[in-house]
Protein backbone atom coordinates (compact mmCIF):
# COMPACT_ATOMS: atom_id res chain seq x y z
CA UNK A 1 -11.38 14.57 -8.87
CA UNK A 2 -15.19 15.00 -10.54
CA UNK A 3 -17.55 11.94 -10.31
CA UNK A 4 -17.25 11.68 -14.01
CA UNK A 5 -13.21 11.44 -13.70
CA UNK A 6 -13.54 8.67 -11.35
CA UNK A 7 -16.14 6.87 -13.23
CA UNK A 8 -13.61 7.19 -16.30
CA UNK A 9 -10.85 5.79 -14.54
CA UNK A 10 -12.79 2.58 -13.13
CA UNK A 11 -14.09 2.02 -16.97
CA UNK A 12 -10.35 1.90 -17.60
CA UNK A 13 -9.52 -0.77 -15.27
CA UNK A 14 -12.64 -2.64 -15.94
CA UNK A 15 -14.48 -2.47 -12.82
CA UNK A 16 -18.18 -1.44 -12.69
CA UNK A 17 -18.12 -1.14 -8.42
CA UNK A 18 -15.60 1.04 -6.55
CA UNK A 19 -14.35 -1.78 -4.62
CA UNK A 20 -10.60 -3.58 -4.70
CA UNK A 21 -9.57 -6.59 -3.03
CA UNK A 22 -6.40 -5.62 -1.39
CA UNK A 23 -3.28 -8.00 -2.46
CA UNK A 24 -2.34 -10.02 0.72
CA UNK A 25 0.05 -11.66 0.00
CA UNK A 26 -0.23 -15.59 1.38
CA UNK A 27 -4.11 -14.92 2.19
CA UNK A 28 -5.67 -13.69 -1.15
CA UNK A 29 -6.04 -16.42 -3.90
CA UNK A 30 -7.41 -16.75 -7.48
CA UNK A 31 -10.58 -17.94 -6.43
CA UNK A 32 -10.72 -14.84 -4.05
CA UNK A 33 -9.36 -12.41 -6.63
CA UNK A 34 -11.88 -14.10 -9.35
CA UNK A 35 -14.65 -13.35 -6.99
CA UNK A 36 -13.49 -10.27 -6.72
CA UNK A 37 -13.88 -9.32 -10.22
CA UNK A 38 -16.88 -11.33 -11.50
CA UNK A 39 -18.70 -9.11 -9.19
CA UNK A 40 -17.21 -6.08 -11.00
CA UNK A 41 -14.54 -5.09 -8.39
CA UNK A 42 -11.09 -5.27 -8.85
CA UNK A 43 -9.68 -8.42 -7.68
CA UNK A 44 -5.80 -8.69 -6.17
CA UNK A 45 -3.12 -11.03 -5.94
CA UNK A 46 0.15 -10.71 -3.80
CA UNK A 47 2.60 -12.04 -5.26
CA UNK A 48 5.73 -10.12 -3.69
CA UNK A 49 6.42 -13.53 -1.38
CA UNK A 50 6.41 -15.78 -4.85
CA UNK A 51 9.09 -16.27 -7.96
CA UNK A 52 8.48 -15.44 -11.24
CA UNK A 53 6.69 -19.07 -11.82
CA UNK A 54 4.54 -19.08 -9.08
CA UNK A 55 3.17 -15.42 -10.22
CA UNK A 56 2.67 -16.69 -13.58
CA UNK A 57 0.68 -20.21 -12.53
CA UNK A 58 -1.31 -17.77 -10.07
CA UNK A 59 -2.41 -15.24 -12.83
CA UNK A 60 -3.07 -18.21 -15.04
CA UNK A 61 -5.48 -19.53 -12.63
CA UNK A 62 -7.26 -16.35 -11.86
CA UNK A 63 -8.11 -16.15 -15.65
CA UNK A 64 -9.69 -19.78 -16.02
CA UNK A 65 -12.19 -18.70 -13.06
CA UNK A 66 -12.60 -14.80 -14.64
CA UNK A 67 -12.48 -12.58 -17.42
CA UNK A 68 -12.27 -9.46 -15.04
CA UNK A 69 -9.63 -7.14 -14.34
CA UNK A 70 -7.08 -8.46 -11.95
CA UNK A 71 -4.24 -6.16 -9.98
CA UNK A 72 -1.01 -8.08 -9.21
CA UNK A 73 1.26 -6.54 -6.18
CA UNK A 74 5.15 -6.91 -5.92
CA UNK A 75 6.78 -5.61 -3.27
CA UNK A 76 9.35 -2.68 -4.10
CA UNK A 77 11.66 -2.89 -0.68
CA UNK A 78 15.15 -1.85 -0.83
CA UNK A 79 17.24 -5.09 -0.52
CA UNK A 80 18.19 -5.87 3.26
CA UNK A 81 21.19 -4.70 4.50
CA UNK A 82 23.12 -7.87 6.25
CA UNK A 83 24.68 -7.22 9.75
CA UNK A 84 25.53 -10.43 10.82
CA UNK A 85 25.95 -9.26 14.30
CA UNK A 86 22.27 -8.15 14.90
CA UNK A 87 21.01 -11.00 13.22
CA UNK A 88 22.90 -13.12 15.30
CA UNK A 89 21.77 -10.77 18.24
CA UNK A 90 18.14 -11.25 17.32
CA UNK A 91 18.15 -15.13 17.07
CA UNK A 92 20.02 -15.37 20.51
CA UNK A 93 17.02 -13.05 21.92
CA UNK A 94 14.62 -15.55 20.57
CA UNK A 95 16.40 -18.63 21.17
CA UNK A 96 14.16 -19.38 24.47
CA UNK A 97 11.18 -19.11 22.43
CA UNK A 98 12.25 -21.63 20.22
CA UNK A 99 13.61 -23.72 23.67
CA UNK A 100 10.07 -23.64 24.69
CA UNK A 101 9.16 -25.92 21.80
CA UNK A 102 12.04 -28.16 21.83
CA UNK A 103 13.62 -26.58 18.62
CA UNK A 104 16.92 -25.07 17.92
CA UNK A 105 17.07 -21.59 16.34
CA UNK A 106 18.11 -20.88 13.17
CA UNK A 107 22.30 -20.99 12.70
CA UNK A 108 21.74 -17.94 10.46
CA UNK A 109 19.33 -16.13 8.24
CA UNK A 110 18.64 -15.08 5.31
CA UNK A 111 16.66 -12.66 2.70
CA UNK A 112 13.62 -14.64 1.84
CA UNK A 113 12.06 -12.58 -0.44
CA UNK A 114 13.34 -10.73 -3.46
CA UNK A 115 12.31 -7.29 -4.25
CA UNK A 116 10.73 -6.14 -7.50
CA UNK A 117 13.70 -3.95 -7.95
CA UNK A 118 16.49 -6.55 -8.94
CA UNK A 119 14.08 -9.29 -10.05
CA UNK A 120 13.74 -9.04 -13.51
CA UNK A 121 12.32 -12.35 -13.98
CA UNK A 122 9.26 -11.21 -12.30
CA UNK A 123 9.09 -8.00 -14.78
CA UNK A 124 9.25 -10.07 -17.87
CA UNK A 125 6.50 -12.23 -16.02
CA UNK A 126 4.07 -9.36 -15.99
CA UNK A 127 4.94 -7.97 -19.11
CA UNK A 128 4.06 -11.23 -20.77
CA UNK A 129 1.42 -12.35 -18.66
CA UNK A 130 0.14 -7.85 -18.59
CA UNK A 131 -2.86 -8.44 -16.01
CA UNK A 132 -4.60 -5.07 -15.99
CA UNK A 133 -2.67 -3.59 -12.98
CA UNK A 134 0.26 -4.01 -11.42
CA UNK A 135 0.44 -2.25 -8.12
CA UNK A 136 3.85 -1.90 -5.23
CA UNK A 137 4.27 -1.84 -2.11
CA UNK A 138 7.00 -0.47 0.10
CA UNK A 139 8.39 2.53 -2.51
CA UNK A 140 9.08 3.16 -6.23
CA UNK A 141 9.74 0.66 -9.21
CA UNK A 142 12.57 1.76 -11.63
CA UNK A 143 11.84 4.33 -14.39
CA UNK A 144 12.55 1.14 -16.96
CA UNK A 145 9.83 -0.82 -15.06
CA UNK A 146 7.93 1.29 -15.44
CA UNK A 147 8.09 2.20 -18.80
CA UNK A 148 8.16 -1.57 -19.61
CA UNK A 149 4.36 -2.10 -17.96
CA UNK A 150 3.09 1.05 -19.18
CA UNK A 151 4.17 -0.34 -22.67
CA UNK A 152 2.12 -3.77 -21.82
CA UNK A 153 -0.70 -1.22 -21.28
CA UNK A 154 -0.67 -2.22 -17.41
CA UNK A 155 -2.25 0.25 -15.68
CA UNK A 156 0.20 1.26 -12.43
CA UNK A 157 -0.88 1.80 -8.51
CA UNK A 158 1.15 2.35 -5.60
CA UNK A 159 1.07 2.45 -1.75
CA UNK A 160 1.73 5.76 -0.13
CA UNK A 161 1.58 6.83 3.63
CA UNK A 162 1.92 10.60 3.39
CA UNK A 163 2.07 13.52 1.04
CA UNK A 164 5.49 13.29 0.06
CA UNK A 165 5.54 9.77 -0.59
CA UNK A 166 2.66 9.90 -3.23
CA UNK A 167 4.32 13.00 -4.77
CA UNK A 168 6.68 10.76 -5.56
CA UNK A 169 4.93 8.41 -7.23
CA UNK A 170 2.90 10.65 -9.18
CA UNK A 171 6.25 11.81 -10.33
CA UNK A 172 7.55 8.88 -11.19
CA UNK A 173 4.59 7.54 -13.47
CA UNK A 174 1.93 6.09 -11.16
CA UNK A 175 -1.58 6.11 -12.28
CA UNK A 176 -3.25 5.84 -8.85
CA UNK A 177 -2.31 5.74 -5.31
CA UNK A 178 -3.34 3.86 -2.73
CA UNK A 179 -3.95 6.03 0.49
CA UNK A 180 -2.83 3.18 3.47
CA UNK A 181 -3.76 4.97 6.80
CA UNK A 182 -2.53 3.80 10.05
CA UNK A 183 -5.84 1.67 10.64
CA UNK A 184 -5.21 -0.64 7.85
CA UNK A 185 -3.87 -4.25 8.47
CA UNK A 186 -0.48 -5.87 7.29
CA UNK A 187 2.63 -4.07 6.32
CA UNK A 188 2.77 -0.16 6.60
CA UNK A 189 3.98 1.18 2.91
CA UNK A 190 6.25 3.44 3.81
CA UNK A 191 9.05 3.80 1.78
CA UNK A 192 11.34 3.78 4.83
CA UNK A 193 10.70 2.20 7.79
CA UNK A 194 13.44 3.59 9.92
CA UNK A 195 12.31 6.92 9.38
CA UNK A 196 9.50 8.43 12.06
CA UNK A 197 5.70 7.20 10.88
CA UNK A 198 3.16 10.23 10.71
CA UNK A 199 0.35 7.57 11.49
CA UNK A 200 -2.25 9.56 9.31
CA UNK A 201 -5.14 7.88 9.54
CA UNK A 202 -7.49 6.95 6.17
CA UNK A 203 -9.36 9.90 6.42
CA UNK A 204 -7.04 12.71 6.95
CA UNK A 205 -4.39 11.07 4.17
CA UNK A 206 -7.48 10.31 1.66
CA UNK A 207 -8.48 14.31 1.96
CA UNK A 208 -4.82 15.33 2.20
CA UNK A 209 -4.17 13.02 -1.35
CA UNK A 210 -7.55 14.18 -3.09
CA UNK A 211 -6.22 17.83 -2.41
CA UNK A 212 -2.37 17.37 -3.40
CA UNK A 213 -2.43 14.94 -6.24
CA UNK A 214 -3.83 15.11 -10.06
CA UNK A 215 -4.36 11.69 -10.45
CA UNK A 216 -7.02 8.71 -8.74
CA UNK A 217 -6.53 8.21 -4.62
CA UNK A 218 -7.74 4.74 -3.46
CA UNK A 219 -8.82 5.06 0.20
CA UNK A 220 -7.61 1.58 2.44
CA UNK A 221 -7.70 1.17 6.21
CA UNK A 222 -10.15 0.42 8.51
CA UNK A 223 -12.87 0.18 5.62
CA UNK A 224 -15.11 -2.97 6.26
CA UNK A 225 -18.68 -2.48 5.18
CA UNK A 226 -20.69 -0.79 2.50
CA UNK A 227 -20.86 2.65 4.66
CA UNK A 228 -17.59 2.46 4.92
CA UNK A 229 -16.87 2.58 1.31
CA UNK A 230 -19.76 5.58 0.80
CA UNK A 231 -18.13 7.66 3.31
CA UNK A 232 -14.17 7.45 1.53
CA UNK A 233 -15.94 8.45 -2.17
CA UNK A 234 -17.46 10.80 -0.09
CA UNK A 235 -13.87 12.23 0.80
CA UNK A 236 -13.04 12.04 -3.03
CA UNK A 237 -11.58 8.56 -3.35
CA UNK A 238 -11.98 6.77 -6.35
CA UNK A 239 -12.33 3.52 -4.90
CA UNK A 240 -11.99 1.85 -1.60
CA UNK A 241 -9.47 -1.07 -0.96
CA UNK A 242 -10.51 -3.75 1.71
CA UNK A 243 -8.30 -6.44 2.54
CA UNK A 244 -9.10 -7.87 6.84
CA UNK A 245 -12.53 -7.69 5.22
CA UNK A 246 -11.55 -10.67 3.25
CA UNK A 247 -9.65 -12.53 5.40
CA UNK A 248 -12.24 -14.68 6.53
CA UNK A 249 -13.69 -15.39 3.03
CA UNK A 250 -14.03 -18.94 2.04
CA UNK A 251 -11.55 -18.59 -0.81
CA UNK A 252 -8.92 -17.00 1.56
CA UNK A 253 -5.63 -18.95 2.29
CA UNK A 254 -6.01 -18.07 5.99
CA UNK A 255 -5.52 -21.19 8.06
CA UNK A 256 -7.91 -22.51 10.70
CA UNK A 257 -5.55 -20.53 13.56
CA UNK A 258 -5.49 -17.22 11.79
CA UNK A 259 -9.56 -17.86 11.46
CA UNK A 260 -9.84 -18.70 14.79
CA UNK A 261 -7.51 -15.02 16.23
CA UNK A 262 -9.98 -12.78 14.21
CA UNK A 263 -12.70 -14.46 15.98
CA UNK A 264 -11.28 -13.57 19.08
CA UNK A 265 -10.40 -10.80 21.49
CA UNK A 266 -7.66 -10.39 19.51
CA UNK A 267 -9.49 -8.58 17.08
CA UNK A 268 -10.14 -5.83 19.20
CA UNK A 269 -6.72 -5.26 19.92
CA UNK A 270 -4.22 -5.02 16.88
CA UNK A 271 -0.93 -3.48 17.32
CA UNK A 272 1.48 -2.43 14.81
CA UNK A 273 4.73 -4.33 15.44
CA UNK A 274 8.21 -4.90 13.53
CA UNK A 275 9.14 -7.74 15.58
CA UNK A 276 7.63 -10.53 13.16
CA UNK A 277 8.89 -9.46 10.02
CA UNK A 278 11.51 -6.87 10.27
CA UNK A 279 9.06 -3.87 9.04
CA UNK A 280 5.89 -2.07 10.94
CA UNK A 281 3.01 -3.76 10.26
CA UNK A 282 -1.00 -4.32 11.95
CA UNK A 283 -1.44 -7.61 13.60
CA UNK A 284 -3.75 -9.05 15.69
CA UNK A 285 -2.50 -9.30 19.36
CA UNK A 286 -0.71 -12.46 19.65
CA UNK A 287 2.37 -13.70 21.76
CA UNK A 288 4.87 -12.62 19.15
CA UNK A 289 3.41 -8.82 19.35
CA UNK A 290 3.89 -9.20 22.95
CA UNK A 291 7.03 -9.94 22.81
CA UNK A 292 7.98 -7.31 20.22
CA UNK A 293 6.66 -5.03 22.59
CA UNK A 294 9.74 -5.69 24.94
CA UNK A 295 12.34 -5.00 22.28
CA UNK A 296 13.59 -1.91 20.13
CA UNK A 297 13.17 -1.37 16.37
CA UNK A 298 17.22 -1.26 16.25
CA UNK A 299 17.22 -4.80 17.54
CA UNK A 300 15.55 -6.40 14.70
CA UNK A 301 17.00 -7.45 11.59
CA UNK A 302 15.60 -5.44 8.51
CA UNK A 303 12.93 -7.39 6.29
CA UNK A 304 12.71 -9.75 5.00
CA UNK A 305 15.72 -11.14 6.93
CA UNK A 306 13.83 -10.61 10.00
CA UNK A 307 10.75 -12.62 8.19
CA UNK A 308 12.87 -15.62 8.32
CA UNK A 309 13.29 -15.66 12.10
CA UNK A 310 9.43 -15.02 12.44
CA UNK A 311 8.53 -17.68 9.99
CA UNK A 312 10.90 -20.26 11.46
CA UNK A 313 9.62 -19.54 15.00
CA UNK A 314 6.15 -19.84 14.06
CA UNK A 315 6.48 -22.84 12.25
CA UNK A 316 8.26 -24.37 15.62
CA UNK A 317 5.22 -23.18 17.69
CA UNK A 318 2.66 -24.69 15.06
CA UNK A 319 4.59 -28.04 15.15
CA UNK A 320 4.27 -28.00 18.90
CA UNK A 321 0.41 -27.09 18.68
CA UNK A 322 0.96 -23.13 19.50
CA UNK A 323 -0.72 -20.97 17.07
CA UNK A 324 0.45 -17.53 19.00
CA UNK A 325 3.54 -16.61 16.46
CA UNK A 326 1.82 -16.33 13.52
CA UNK A 327 1.95 -13.13 11.24
CA UNK A 328 -1.99 -12.60 11.68
CA UNK A 329 -1.92 -9.41 9.94
CA UNK A 330 -5.34 -7.31 10.30
CA UNK A 331 -7.07 -3.73 10.36
CA UNK A 332 -8.37 -2.18 13.24
CA UNK A 333 -11.92 -3.06 11.74
CA UNK A 334 -10.92 -6.54 12.28
CA UNK A 335 -13.84 -7.15 14.57
CA UNK A 336 -16.29 -6.38 11.38
CA UNK A 337 -15.06 -9.04 9.08
CA UNK A 338 -17.69 -11.53 8.28
CA UNK A 339 -16.83 -15.18 7.26
CA UNK A 340 -18.91 -15.94 4.15
CA UNK A 341 -17.78 -16.72 0.67
CA UNK A 342 -15.87 -13.48 -1.33
CA UNK A 343 -18.53 -13.20 -3.72
CA UNK A 344 -21.55 -12.75 -1.00
CA UNK A 345 -19.41 -10.53 0.76
CA UNK A 346 -19.09 -8.59 -2.56
CA UNK A 347 -22.94 -9.19 -3.12
CA UNK A 348 -23.25 -7.53 0.50
CA UNK A 349 -20.71 -4.59 0.17
CA UNK A 350 -22.21 -3.44 -2.94
CA UNK A 351 -25.93 -3.29 -1.58
CA UNK A 352 -24.64 -1.56 1.59
CA UNK A 353 -22.72 0.78 -0.28
CA UNK A 354 -25.49 1.74 -2.53
CA UNK A 355 -28.22 1.99 0.29
CA UNK A 356 -25.49 4.25 1.89
CA UNK A 357 -25.30 6.42 -1.00
């Protein structure tokens, strides 16, 4: 895309700088998103783990702090397939870990998050609140959901990990694609986690999508500073999305254990694992990722049922003072994270980007 077209897209969203804060569920906060939007970027809220009521409260909390553009992200995973035998076997596999902390493992597992695909309350909330952007992770929304949000003047973005996924999103009416490179922290946006992952890095994926799509591409994965932002813009991206860079900001909801892990040697060895949640996700190296290395993907219940077990084990461990079982999502650039306020980070990123351009 030409620089003029990209500039027009930024204007459409209400951005003056091409920086998007990733919508990290459980980490991004209204205060973080507001600081980013107030600095000219696009602040984001991850509401995939929230009810519609809690999502509405988060959106309104953002609006008390900013009149800038907001991106609200939802999960569009296929509702979980219940396999009671698999779930029982997984709980039995984790039982020794629970026993270490004097806790009985859960008797059964449940689907702890509702997919947006079947959450009409969330759709109604987003239509009523009409944030500037709604973004999707894990797949395609329903056609009627796309229409309802477009009718509410909401711009739509979605994650893709390869050209096939991106083309399907473009055909479905999505307005911009987030090119999620393999370096990125958190859950892979793969439509089907059981298919082979092409593991395309941010540079290759961004170039492939720019060459094959007619809509804007946002680069994501491993971008931690202004030099990285400038680099992906040179590749043709309309903007850069940064997540791990914001994990240790003052406004982040990351707890003390997460922040301590980000400052440790674990940041230099991120791992792709399914053990924590049931879906491939990049995490800081931990006791949980080490456990995951010894199991087969087919043994782990699908997302988000697997996450129910992961959260229960983390809670048991934390109660005993052990923080090594958390979901410490982080990308390969984690060692470059800088503790400061989100506003200060945005000011730093903008200065670095402008100097590198």
